[in-house]
Protein backbone atom coordinates (compact mmCIF):
# COMPACT_ATOMS: atom_id res chain seq x y z
CA MET A 1 53.65 22.97 89.13
CA SER A 2 52.11 24.95 86.82
CA GLU A 3 54.34 23.52 83.81
CA LEU A 4 53.03 20.28 84.60
CA LEU A 5 49.58 21.35 84.28
CA HIS A 6 50.09 23.02 80.66
CA LEU A 7 51.77 19.88 79.58
CA GLY A 8 49.07 18.19 81.00
CA ALA A 9 46.94 20.18 79.19
CA LEU A 10 48.66 20.27 75.93
CA VAL A 11 49.39 16.76 75.33
CA PRO A 12 46.09 15.59 76.12
CA ALA A 13 44.50 17.63 73.33
CA ALA A 14 46.98 16.90 70.79
CA VAL A 15 46.60 13.32 71.22
CA GLY A 16 42.59 14.43 70.93
CA VAL A 17 43.62 15.58 67.60
CA GLY A 18 45.19 12.87 66.95
CA THR A 19 42.05 10.67 67.48
CA LEU A 20 39.88 13.02 65.24
CA LEU A 21 42.37 12.38 61.99
CA ALA A 22 41.59 8.49 63.39
CA MET A 23 37.48 8.67 63.00
CA ARG A 24 37.29 8.69 59.15
CA ARG A 25 33.52 8.21 59.52
CA ASP A 26 32.59 10.14 62.65
CA ALA A 27 34.63 13.54 62.44
CA GLY A 28 34.35 15.73 59.21
CA ARG A 29 36.90 18.21 58.21
CA ALA A 30 35.10 21.13 60.40
CA ASP A 31 35.72 18.64 63.35
CA VAL A 32 39.33 18.68 62.68
CA LEU A 33 39.84 22.12 61.68
CA ALA A 34 37.89 23.05 64.89
CA ALA A 35 40.07 21.25 67.02
CA VAL A 36 43.69 22.32 65.53
CA LEU A 37 42.29 25.94 66.15
CA MET A 38 41.92 25.43 69.62
CA LEU A 39 45.28 22.87 70.02
CA VAL A 40 46.81 26.05 68.33
CA GLY A 41 45.35 28.78 70.73
CA MET A 42 45.91 26.79 73.80
CA THR A 43 49.76 26.29 72.37
CA ASP A 44 49.94 30.20 71.86
CA ALA A 45 48.10 31.11 75.35
CA MET A 46 50.52 28.70 77.37
CA THR A 47 53.86 29.18 75.61
CA LEU A 48 54.43 32.28 73.81
CA SER A 49 51.38 34.32 73.61
CA PHE A 50 51.54 36.20 70.43
CA VAL A 51 48.10 36.42 70.37
CA PRO A 52 46.52 38.50 72.23
CA PRO A 53 44.34 36.37 74.38
CA VAL A 54 40.98 38.10 74.08
CA VAL A 55 41.82 37.20 69.97
CA TRP A 56 42.16 33.33 71.03
CA PHE A 57 38.63 34.06 73.25
CA ALA A 58 36.63 35.60 69.74
CA ALA A 59 38.15 33.02 67.40
CA LEU A 60 37.32 30.12 69.50
CA ILE A 61 33.68 31.42 70.09
CA ALA A 62 33.19 32.09 66.45
CA ALA A 63 34.51 28.38 65.55
CA GLY A 64 32.84 26.47 68.44
CA LEU A 65 29.36 28.29 67.72
CA ALA A 66 29.54 27.57 64.07
CA LEU A 67 30.68 24.22 64.54
CA ALA A 68 28.18 23.38 66.68
CA ALA A 69 25.57 25.34 63.99
CA GLY A 70 26.98 23.17 61.39
CA ARG A 71 26.84 19.87 62.82
CA ARG A 72 22.99 20.80 63.89
CA PHE A 73 21.86 21.58 60.11
CA SER A 74 24.77 19.49 58.56
CA PRO A 75 25.54 16.14 60.09
CA VAL A 76 28.45 14.29 59.14
CA ALA A 77 27.12 12.26 56.57
CA THR A 78 28.87 9.17 57.17
CA ALA A 79 28.66 9.60 61.34
CA ARG A 80 26.63 7.40 62.57
CA PRO A 81 23.38 7.83 64.82
CA GLY A 82 24.23 9.16 68.30
CA THR A 83 27.66 9.86 67.95
CA MET A 84 28.83 12.94 70.26
CA VAL A 85 32.02 13.84 68.59
CA SER A 86 30.85 17.45 67.68
CA THR A 87 28.93 18.03 70.50
CA HIS A 88 31.82 17.51 72.73
CA LEU A 89 34.25 19.34 70.88
CA ALA A 90 31.83 22.31 70.41
CA LEU A 91 32.00 22.43 74.35
CA GLY A 92 35.69 21.62 74.43
CA VAL A 93 36.28 24.86 72.23
CA ILE A 94 34.27 27.07 73.75
CA SER A 95 35.47 26.08 77.42
CA THR A 96 39.32 26.70 76.15
CA ALA A 97 37.89 29.89 74.69
CA ALA A 98 37.05 30.63 78.42
CA LEU A 99 39.82 29.66 80.39
CA ILE A 100 41.80 31.35 77.68
CA LEU A 101 40.99 34.36 78.69
CA LEU A 102 40.90 33.96 82.23
CA MET A 103 44.45 31.96 82.43
CA PRO A 104 47.51 34.27 84.04
CA ALA A 105 49.96 35.51 81.40
CA MET A 106 53.34 33.55 81.21
CA PRO A 107 56.08 35.41 82.47
CA SER A 108 57.71 34.86 79.46
CA SER A 109 55.05 36.44 77.20
CA THR A 110 56.06 39.81 75.70
CA PRO A 111 54.60 42.54 77.40
CA ALA A 112 53.64 44.59 73.66
CA LEU A 113 51.82 41.47 72.54
CA VAL A 114 49.78 40.81 75.77
CA ALA A 115 46.98 42.34 77.05
CA PRO A 116 47.59 43.90 80.02
CA SER A 117 45.68 42.38 83.34
CA HIS A 118 45.46 43.39 86.59
CA GLU A 119 44.58 41.30 90.12
CA HIS A 120 41.28 41.74 91.64
CA GLY A 121 40.71 41.87 95.64
CA ALA A 122 41.70 38.19 97.29
CA GLY A 123 38.10 37.92 97.49
CA SER A 124 37.51 37.55 93.69
CA THR A 125 36.84 34.00 93.01
CA MET A 126 34.88 34.26 89.87
CA PRO A 127 37.83 32.29 87.76
CA GLN A 128 37.75 29.55 90.10
CA LEU A 129 33.88 29.02 90.07
CA VAL A 130 33.87 29.44 86.30
CA GLY A 131 36.62 26.68 85.67
CA ALA A 132 34.67 24.37 88.08
CA GLY A 133 31.71 24.81 86.37
CA LEU A 134 33.29 24.08 82.69
CA ALA A 135 35.57 21.32 84.57
CA LEU A 136 32.15 19.67 85.73
CA SER A 137 29.87 19.98 82.53
CA THR A 138 33.20 18.49 80.51
CA VAL A 139 33.49 15.94 82.87
CA ALA A 140 29.54 15.17 83.29
CA LEU A 141 29.40 15.42 78.86
CA ALA A 142 32.53 13.01 79.24
CA VAL A 143 30.60 10.23 81.17
CA VAL A 144 27.65 10.20 79.34
CA ALA A 145 29.94 10.25 75.96
CA LEU A 146 31.47 7.01 77.25
CA ARG A 147 28.66 5.38 78.08
CA ALA A 148 27.12 6.18 74.33
CA GLU A 149 30.13 5.53 72.16
CA ARG A 150 31.52 1.90 71.33
CA SER A 151 34.44 2.85 69.81
CA TRP A 152 37.65 2.83 71.60
CA VAL A 153 38.84 5.91 69.27
CA HIS A 154 35.78 7.88 70.41
CA ARG A 155 36.13 7.02 73.80
CA LEU A 156 39.86 8.10 74.07
CA HIS A 157 38.57 11.52 72.37
CA HIS A 158 35.82 12.34 74.64
CA THR A 159 38.74 11.21 77.65
CA THR A 160 41.39 13.30 76.49
CA MET A 161 38.72 16.57 75.93
CA ALA A 162 37.76 16.19 79.27
CA ALA A 163 41.67 15.23 81.15
CA SER A 164 42.50 18.45 79.27
CA THR A 165 39.86 20.85 80.34
CA VAL A 166 40.39 19.69 83.74
CA ALA A 167 43.86 20.71 83.14
CA MET A 168 43.14 24.15 82.25
CA CYS A 169 40.77 24.85 84.83
CA ALA A 170 43.33 23.80 87.45
CA ILE A 171 45.80 26.57 85.90
CA VAL A 172 43.30 28.95 86.38
CA ALA A 173 42.32 27.79 89.56
CA ILE A 174 46.17 28.01 90.59
């Protein structure tokens, strides 16, 4: 089941990167770079774990905040007014950072490269609550974006971003 959820998170994320590449007017280089970094971080965290989750967390938080701040002060010059691509992507990058940190370590991970983790008591539901909050916020923003966007490429991007985040939240909840 976990492998299907991992695949259910990675495939939509890869499609989402492809949709950004297809958006010639509304996605800038910073958007594409942030999405590629997010996909690489997800792939590493869900497969070999060469980089410790806390490093991915720091890198993705920095990328998400930089993307949001950069788009606030320097929007994509050719983007249509009202497009939500950068907003949804920034939320997705920051959500992915948190979910990578909360994700259980893969059994095939190299012990020397993975930060050690420990289990808390059965009453600890914080990861599930954080995951549920991230899933709900991503789905809510996707619904708003789907109503605002008219292009099928934009709609596909928002849908795949939400699907990928919800799959990662399900991994954390298991």
